Amino acid sequence: MSVAENFQTIRNELGDKIVLVAVTKNHGVDLMREAIDAGATDIGENRVQEAAEKFQTLDRKVIRHLIGHLQTNKAKAAVKLFDLIQSVDSQHLAAALDKAAASIGKVQDVLIQVNAAREPQKSGAMLEDLDGLIKFVDAAKNLRLRGLMMIAPNLEDVEECRPFFKQMRELFDKMKTSREAFDFLSMGMTHDYKIAVEEGANVVRVGTAIFGERSYR
């Protein structure tokens, strides 16, 4: 099927209450435009430089998500480019983003990325560090905490990811009670988004199922 057909199939499956972020990492501008023409309103990128090159070609408004690990030295470029930065995982990065956002008079929407499975090769705040990071972001004048993000383990049996999704939903619900704008639970990608949605995700990040395999560069 075409990119447009893939997108519409998933969009229809999810309904209108789930945010579908079309992840265009390592895919060209033409494919990104095809998804937007098919109705994609949210575009996700992993890297600041690649996003900058693509976004400058856009002639219509989309919501721009950074979903990859962000180095602090790229914080200023990131706040200029992205509407929602999903990968805040440390006070050091949060401080850099707060300073960068203040310098351009912006309040930057962010999610805190949680490493629920404690995978050493992945970014994300550990559960024991979460309270301190949340308090830090809450106190930052130029950051607005909108929710949580998680990348589940890449397991052969995706059912084994379910406990992590469930844990995140419980954490999200607990935090949401005291926050007005805390409304995004981002979890689930091509291989596991269906289970993530069953467990409460309201944002999914899908690349391969829309665009096909990536052409790495």
C-alpha atoms as a PDB file:
ATOM      1  CA  MET A   1       0.000   0.000   0.000  1.00  0.00           C
ATOM      2  CA  SER A   2       1.012   3.621  -0.440  1.00  0.00           C
ATOM      3  CA  VAL A   3       2.046   5.944   2.386  1.00  0.00           C
ATOM      4  CA  ALA A   4      -1.373   7.605   2.196  1.00  0.00           C
ATOM      5  CA  GLU A   5      -3.179   4.266   2.407  1.00  0.00           C
ATOM      6  CA  ASN A   6      -1.004   3.091   5.298  1.00  0.00           C
ATOM      7  CA  PHE A   7      -1.606   6.316   7.188  1.00  0.00           C
ATOM      8  CA  GLN A   8      -5.353   6.260   6.653  1.00  0.00           C
ATOM      9  CA  THR A   9      -5.595   2.608   7.718  1.00  0.00           C
ATOM     10  CA  ILE A  10      -3.880   3.319  11.039  1.00  0.00           C
ATOM     11  CA  ARG A  11      -5.690   6.630  11.517  1.00  0.00           C
ATOM     12  CA  ASN A  12      -9.067   4.930  11.066  1.00  0.00           C
ATOM     13  CA  GLU A  13      -8.045   2.097  13.378  1.00  0.00           C
ATOM     14  CA  LEU A  14      -7.039   4.492  16.154  1.00  0.00           C
ATOM     15  CA  GLY A  15     -10.044   6.796  15.956  1.00  0.00           C
ATOM     16  CA  ASP A  16      -9.945  10.500  16.665  1.00  0.00           C
ATOM     17  CA  LYS A  17      -8.945  10.418  20.347  1.00  0.00           C
ATOM     18  CA  ILE A  18      -5.409   9.099  19.766  1.00  0.00           C
ATOM     19  CA  VAL A  19      -2.664  11.377  18.438  1.00  0.00           C
ATOM     20  CA  LEU A  20      -0.870   9.608  15.578  1.00  0.00           C
ATOM     21  CA  VAL A  21       2.664  10.957  15.186  1.00  0.00           C
ATOM     22  CA  ALA A  22       4.038  10.026  11.763  1.00  0.00           C
ATOM     23  CA  VAL A  23       7.749   9.399  12.349  1.00  0.00           C
ATOM     24  CA  THR A  24       9.741  10.541   9.336  1.00  0.00           C
ATOM     25  CA  LYS A  25      13.253   9.795  10.602  1.00  0.00           C
ATOM     26  CA  ASN A  26      15.478   8.705   7.678  1.00  0.00           C
ATOM     27  CA  HIS A  27      12.634   9.188   5.203  1.00  0.00           C
ATOM     28  CA  GLY A  28      12.676  11.886   2.555  1.00  0.00           C
ATOM     29  CA  VAL A  29      10.612  15.038   2.289  1.00  0.00           C
ATOM     30  CA  ASP A  30       8.436  13.553  -0.462  1.00  0.00           C
ATOM     31  CA  LEU A  31       7.203  10.771   1.823  1.00  0.00           C
ATOM     32  CA  MET A  32       6.639  13.241   4.637  1.00  0.00           C
ATOM     33  CA  ARG A  33       4.553  15.413   2.324  1.00  0.00           C
ATOM     34  CA  GLU A  34       2.586  12.376   1.175  1.00  0.00           C
ATOM     35  CA  ALA A  35       1.636  11.626   4.773  1.00  0.00           C
ATOM     36  CA  ILE A  36       0.673  15.251   5.396  1.00  0.00           C
ATOM     37  CA  ASP A  37      -1.431  15.277   2.236  1.00  0.00           C
ATOM     38  CA  ALA A  38      -3.180  12.156   3.570  1.00  0.00           C
ATOM     39  CA  GLY A  39      -4.103  13.995   6.759  1.00  0.00           C
ATOM     40  CA  ALA A  40      -1.105  13.708   9.088  1.00  0.00           C
ATOM     41  CA  THR A  41      -1.154  16.625  11.521  1.00  0.00           C
ATOM     42  CA  ASP A  42       1.721  15.473  13.752  1.00  0.00           C
ATOM     43  CA  ILE A  43       5.248  14.754  12.484  1.00  0.00           C
ATOM     44  CA  GLY A  44       7.998  13.184  14.596  1.00  0.00           C
ATOM     45  CA  GLU A  45      11.738  13.453  14.096  1.00  0.00           C
ATOM     46  CA  ASN A  46      14.643  12.008  16.072  1.00  0.00           C
ATOM     47  CA  ARG A  47      17.381  14.470  15.185  1.00  0.00           C
ATOM     48  CA  VAL A  48      17.447  18.259  15.221  1.00  0.00           C
ATOM     49  CA  GLN A  49      19.552  18.697  12.080  1.00  0.00           C
ATOM     50  CA  GLU A  50      17.481  16.325   9.942  1.00  0.00           C
ATOM     51  CA  ALA A  51      14.292  17.966  11.188  1.00  0.00           C
ATOM     52  CA  ALA A  52      15.570  21.456  10.367  1.00  0.00           C
ATOM     53  CA  GLU A  53      16.334  20.442   6.795  1.00  0.00           C
ATOM     54  CA  LYS A  54      12.891  18.912   6.282  1.00  0.00           C
ATOM     55  CA  PHE A  55      10.747  21.397   8.156  1.00  0.00           C
ATOM     56  CA  GLN A  56      12.021  24.346   6.139  1.00  0.00           C
ATOM     57  CA  THR A  57      10.377  22.795   3.071  1.00  0.00           C
ATOM     58  CA  LEU A  58       6.913  22.639   4.647  1.00  0.00           C
ATOM     59  CA  ASP A  59       4.261  25.028   3.421  1.00  0.00           C
ATOM     60  CA  ARG A  60       1.547  24.094   5.898  1.00  0.00           C
ATOM     61  CA  LYS A  61       1.209  23.909   9.652  1.00  0.00           C
ATOM     62  CA  VAL A  62       1.879  20.614  11.387  1.00  0.00           C
ATOM     63  CA  ILE A  63       2.655  19.851  15.021  1.00  0.00           C
ATOM     64  CA  ARG A  64       6.354  19.044  15.253  1.00  0.00           C
ATOM     65  CA  HIS A  65       7.515  16.451  17.776  1.00  0.00           C
ATOM     66  CA  LEU A  66      11.082  15.688  18.830  1.00  0.00           C
ATOM     67  CA  ILE A  67      11.085  12.052  19.910  1.00  0.00           C
ATOM     68  CA  GLY A  68      14.814  11.251  19.924  1.00  0.00           C
ATOM     69  CA  HIS A  69      17.526  11.853  22.505  1.00  0.00           C
ATOM     70  CA  LEU A  70      18.527  15.510  22.690  1.00  0.00           C
ATOM     71  CA  GLN A  71      21.978  16.808  23.572  1.00  0.00           C
ATOM     72  CA  THR A  72      22.013  19.969  25.665  1.00  0.00           C
ATOM     73  CA  ASN A  73      24.101  21.841  23.083  1.00  0.00           C
ATOM     74  CA  LYS A  74      21.196  21.537  20.647  1.00  0.00           C
ATOM     75  CA  ALA A  75      18.566  22.807  23.069  1.00  0.00           C
ATOM     76  CA  LYS A  76      18.270  26.251  21.483  1.00  0.00           C
ATOM     77  CA  ALA A  77      17.821  24.830  17.986  1.00  0.00           C
ATOM     78  CA  ALA A  78      15.262  22.364  19.331  1.00  0.00           C
ATOM     79  CA  VAL A  79      13.036  24.961  20.989  1.00  0.00           C
ATOM     80  CA  LYS A  80      12.989  26.961  17.757  1.00  0.00           C
ATOM     81  CA  LEU A  81      11.930  23.908  15.732  1.00  0.00           C
ATOM     82  CA  PHE A  82       9.614  21.777  17.830  1.00  0.00           C
ATOM     83  CA  ASP A  83       6.174  22.240  19.334  1.00  0.00           C
ATOM     84  CA  LEU A  84       6.556  19.272  21.698  1.00  0.00           C
ATOM     85  CA  ILE A  85       9.843  17.812  22.923  1.00  0.00           C
ATOM     86  CA  GLN A  86       9.036  14.294  24.115  1.00  0.00           C
ATOM     87  CA  SER A  87      12.469  13.231  25.335  1.00  0.00           C
ATOM     88  CA  VAL A  88      13.346  15.262  28.437  1.00  0.00           C
ATOM     89  CA  ASP A  89      15.192  12.827  30.692  1.00  0.00           C
ATOM     90  CA  SER A  90      17.388  14.874  33.042  1.00  0.00           C
ATOM     91  CA  GLN A  91      17.462  18.101  35.026  1.00  0.00           C
ATOM     92  CA  HIS A  92      20.520  19.133  33.031  1.00  0.00           C
ATOM     93  CA  LEU A  93      18.600  18.938  29.756  1.00  0.00           C
ATOM     94  CA  ALA A  94      15.515  20.553  31.283  1.00  0.00           C
ATOM     95  CA  ALA A  95      17.627  23.486  32.479  1.00  0.00           C
ATOM     96  CA  ALA A  96      19.135  23.937  29.014  1.00  0.00           C
ATOM     97  CA  LEU A  97      15.694  23.879  27.389  1.00  0.00           C
ATOM     98  CA  ASP A  98      14.273  26.314  29.937  1.00  0.00           C
ATOM     99  CA  LYS A  99      17.117  28.756  29.288  1.00  0.00           C
ATOM    100  CA  ALA A 100      16.815  28.367  25.517  1.00  0.00           C
ATOM    101  CA  ALA A 101      13.051  28.861  25.575  1.00  0.00           C
ATOM    102  CA  ALA A 102      13.396  31.952  27.768  1.00  0.00           C
ATOM    103  CA  SER A 103      15.871  33.454  25.297  1.00  0.00           C
ATOM    104  CA  ILE A 104      13.241  33.458  22.541  1.00  0.00           C
ATOM    105  CA  GLY A 105      10.243  34.231  24.743  1.00  0.00           C
ATOM    106  CA  LYS A 106       8.665  30.801  24.405  1.00  0.00           C
ATOM    107  CA  VAL A 107       7.046  28.400  26.835  1.00  0.00           C
ATOM    108  CA  GLN A 108       8.159  25.000  25.544  1.00  0.00           C
ATOM    109  CA  ASP A 109       5.833  22.019  25.864  1.00  0.00           C
ATOM    110  CA  VAL A 110       7.705  18.905  27.004  1.00  0.00           C
ATOM    111  CA  LEU A 111       7.175  15.303  28.013  1.00  0.00           C
ATOM    112  CA  ILE A 112       9.384  13.457  30.456  1.00  0.00           C
ATOM    113  CA  GLN A 113      10.828  10.279  28.978  1.00  0.00           C
ATOM    114  CA  VAL A 114      10.800   7.400  31.455  1.00  0.00           C
ATOM    115  CA  ASN A 115      13.051   4.345  31.190  1.00  0.00           C
ATOM    116  CA  ALA A 116      10.501   2.031  32.790  1.00  0.00           C
ATOM    117  CA  ALA A 117      12.347  -1.139  31.784  1.00  0.00           C
ATOM    118  CA  ARG A 118      15.690   0.200  33.069  1.00  0.00           C
ATOM    119  CA  GLU A 119      17.447  -0.557  29.790  1.00  0.00           C
ATOM    120  CA  PRO A 120      21.035   0.746  29.974  1.00  0.00           C
ATOM    121  CA  GLN A 121      21.225   1.408  26.227  1.00  0.00           C
ATOM    122  CA  LYS A 122      18.155   3.667  26.243  1.00  0.00           C
ATOM    123  CA  SER A 123      17.598   7.232  27.339  1.00  0.00           C
ATOM    124  CA  GLY A 124      14.956   8.114  29.875  1.00  0.00           C
ATOM    125  CA  ALA A 125      14.712   8.986  33.534  1.00  0.00           C
ATOM    126  CA  MET A 126      14.811   6.120  35.993  1.00  0.00           C
ATOM    127  CA  LEU A 127      11.761   5.819  38.225  1.00  0.00           C
ATOM    128  CA  GLU A 128      13.724   6.756  41.338  1.00  0.00           C
ATOM    129  CA  ASP A 129      14.806  10.040  39.689  1.00  0.00           C
ATOM    130  CA  LEU A 130      11.365  10.942  38.401  1.00  0.00           C
ATOM    131  CA  ASP A 131      10.051  12.956  41.355  1.00  0.00           C
ATOM    132  CA  GLY A 132      13.059  15.262  41.350  1.00  0.00           C
ATOM    133  CA  LEU A 133      12.882  15.785  37.596  1.00  0.00           C
ATOM    134  CA  ILE A 134       9.151  16.499  37.692  1.00  0.00           C
ATOM    135  CA  LYS A 135       9.608  19.095  40.439  1.00  0.00           C
ATOM    136  CA  PHE A 136      12.413  20.707  38.458  1.00  0.00           C
ATOM    137  CA  VAL A 137      10.335  20.940  35.273  1.00  0.00           C
ATOM    138  CA  ASP A 138       7.296  22.182  37.205  1.00  0.00           C
ATOM    139  CA  ALA A 139       9.423  25.003  38.612  1.00  0.00           C
ATOM    140  CA  ALA A 140      10.903  25.983  35.234  1.00  0.00           C
ATOM    141  CA  LYS A 141       9.155  29.159  34.056  1.00  0.00           C
ATOM    142  CA  ASN A 142       9.619  28.459  30.356  1.00  0.00           C
ATOM    143  CA  LEU A 143       8.716  24.759  30.323  1.00  0.00           C
ATOM    144  CA  ARG A 144       5.218  23.293  30.434  1.00  0.00           C
ATOM    145  CA  LEU A 145       4.994  19.630  31.409  1.00  0.00           C
ATOM    146  CA  ARG A 146       2.384  17.970  29.203  1.00  0.00           C
ATOM    147  CA  GLY A 147       2.851  14.301  30.082  1.00  0.00           C
ATOM    148  CA  LEU A 148       5.082  11.239  29.885  1.00  0.00           C
ATOM    149  CA  MET A 149       6.805   9.272  27.134  1.00  0.00           C
ATOM    150  CA  MET A 150       8.227   5.758  27.113  1.00  0.00           C
ATOM    151  CA  ILE A 151       9.990   3.516  24.611  1.00  0.00           C
ATOM    152  CA  ALA A 152       9.123  -0.072  25.497  1.00  0.00           C
ATOM    153  CA  PRO A 153      11.678  -2.887  25.218  1.00  0.00           C
ATOM    154  CA  ASN A 154      11.935  -4.347  21.724  1.00  0.00           C
ATOM    155  CA  LEU A 155      10.782  -7.845  22.646  1.00  0.00           C
ATOM    156  CA  GLU A 156       9.904 -10.652  20.255  1.00  0.00           C
ATOM    157  CA  ASP A 157       6.636 -11.235  22.101  1.00  0.00           C
ATOM    158  CA  VAL A 158       5.086  -7.773  22.345  1.00  0.00           C
ATOM    159  CA  GLU A 159       2.706  -9.028  25.034  1.00  0.00           C
ATOM    160  CA  GLU A 160       5.708  -8.940  27.362  1.00  0.00           C
ATOM    161  CA  CYS A 161       5.684  -5.142  26.972  1.00  0.00           C
ATOM    162  CA  ARG A 162       2.213  -4.868  28.477  1.00  0.00           C
ATOM    163  CA  PRO A 163       3.347  -4.572  32.132  1.00  0.00           C
ATOM    164  CA  PHE A 164       5.521  -1.570  31.248  1.00  0.00           C
ATOM    165  CA  PHE A 165       2.645   0.164  29.451  1.00  0.00           C
ATOM    166  CA  LYS A 166       0.359  -0.582  32.398  1.00  0.00           C
ATOM    167  CA  GLN A 167       2.909   0.818  34.843  1.00  0.00           C
ATOM    168  CA  MET A 168       3.195   4.011  32.807  1.00  0.00           C
ATOM    169  CA  ARG A 169      -0.573   4.461  32.661  1.00  0.00           C
ATOM    170  CA  GLU A 170      -0.807   4.136  36.438  1.00  0.00           C
ATOM    171  CA  LEU A 171       1.983   6.682  36.864  1.00  0.00           C
ATOM    172  CA  PHE A 172       0.355   9.038  34.357  1.00  0.00           C
ATOM    173  CA  ASP A 173      -3.043   8.834  36.066  1.00  0.00           C
ATOM    174  CA  LYS A 174      -1.470   9.528  39.451  1.00  0.00           C
ATOM    175  CA  MET A 175       0.364  12.605  38.168  1.00  0.00           C
ATOM    176  CA  LYS A 176      -2.540  13.921  36.134  1.00  0.00           C
ATOM    177  CA  THR A 177      -4.765  14.545  39.154  1.00  0.00           C
ATOM    178  CA  SER A 178      -2.759  17.630  40.185  1.00  0.00           C
ATOM    179  CA  ARG A 179      -1.980  19.077  36.737  1.00  0.00           C
ATOM    180  CA  GLU A 180      -4.333  20.818  34.309  1.00  0.00           C
ATOM    181  CA  ALA A 181      -2.311  20.561  31.092  1.00  0.00           C
ATOM    182  CA  PHE A 182      -0.917  17.089  31.788  1.00  0.00           C
ATOM    183  CA  ASP A 183      -2.678  15.195  29.015  1.00  0.00           C
ATOM    184  CA  PHE A 184      -0.231  13.219  26.828  1.00  0.00           C
ATOM    185  CA  LEU A 185       0.842   9.629  27.445  1.00  0.00           C
ATOM    186  CA  SER A 186       3.143   8.837  24.535  1.00  0.00           C
ATOM    187  CA  MET A 187       3.974   5.161  24.170  1.00  0.00           C
ATOM    188  CA  GLY A 188       3.798   2.633  21.393  1.00  0.00           C
ATOM    189  CA  MET A 189       5.530   2.369  18.030  1.00  0.00           C
ATOM    190  CA  THR A 190       4.983   0.279  14.894  1.00  0.00           C
ATOM    191  CA  HIS A 191       5.477  -3.104  16.588  1.00  0.00           C
ATOM    192  CA  ASP A 192       3.592  -2.434  19.825  1.00  0.00           C
ATOM    193  CA  TYR A 193       1.241   0.540  19.425  1.00  0.00           C
ATOM    194  CA  LYS A 194      -1.903  -1.601  19.552  1.00  0.00           C
ATOM    195  CA  ILE A 195      -1.043  -2.951  22.999  1.00  0.00           C
ATOM    196  CA  ALA A 196       0.061   0.518  24.124  1.00  0.00           C
ATOM    197  CA  VAL A 197      -3.339   1.941  23.176  1.00  0.00           C
ATOM    198  CA  GLU A 198      -5.109  -0.906  24.975  1.00  0.00           C
ATOM    199  CA  GLU A 199      -3.172   0.081  28.096  1.00  0.00           C
ATOM    200  CA  GLY A 200      -3.980   3.783  27.847  1.00  0.00           C
ATOM    201  CA  ALA A 201      -1.613   5.502  25.415  1.00  0.00           C
ATOM    202  CA  ASN A 202      -3.139   8.554  23.755  1.00  0.00           C
ATOM    203  CA  VAL A 203      -0.092   9.358  21.611  1.00  0.00           C
ATOM    204  CA  VAL A 204       1.602   6.760  19.389  1.00  0.00           C
ATOM    205  CA  ARG A 205       4.740   7.216  17.295  1.00  0.00           C
ATOM    206  CA  VAL A 206       4.564   5.216  14.067  1.00  0.00           C
ATOM    207  CA  GLY A 207       7.142   5.171  11.287  1.00  0.00           C
ATOM    208  CA  THR A 208       7.680   1.826   9.563  1.00  0.00           C
ATOM    209  CA  ALA A 209       3.987   0.902   9.383  1.00  0.00           C
ATOM    210  CA  ILE A 210       3.352   4.153   7.492  1.00  0.00           C
ATOM    211  CA  PHE A 211       6.507   4.710   5.452  1.00  0.00           C
ATOM    212  CA  GLY A 212       8.062   1.249   5.171  1.00  0.00           C
ATOM    213  CA  GLU A 213      11.590   0.375   6.187  1.00  0.00           C
ATOM    214  CA  ARG A 214      13.931   3.299   6.661  1.00  0.00           C
ATOM    215  CA  SER A 215      16.593   4.172   4.123  1.00  0.00           C
ATOM    216  CA  TYR A 216      19.469   4.785   6.521  1.00  0.00           C
ATOM    217  CA  ARG A 217      21.954   7.478   5.667  1.00  0.00           C
END
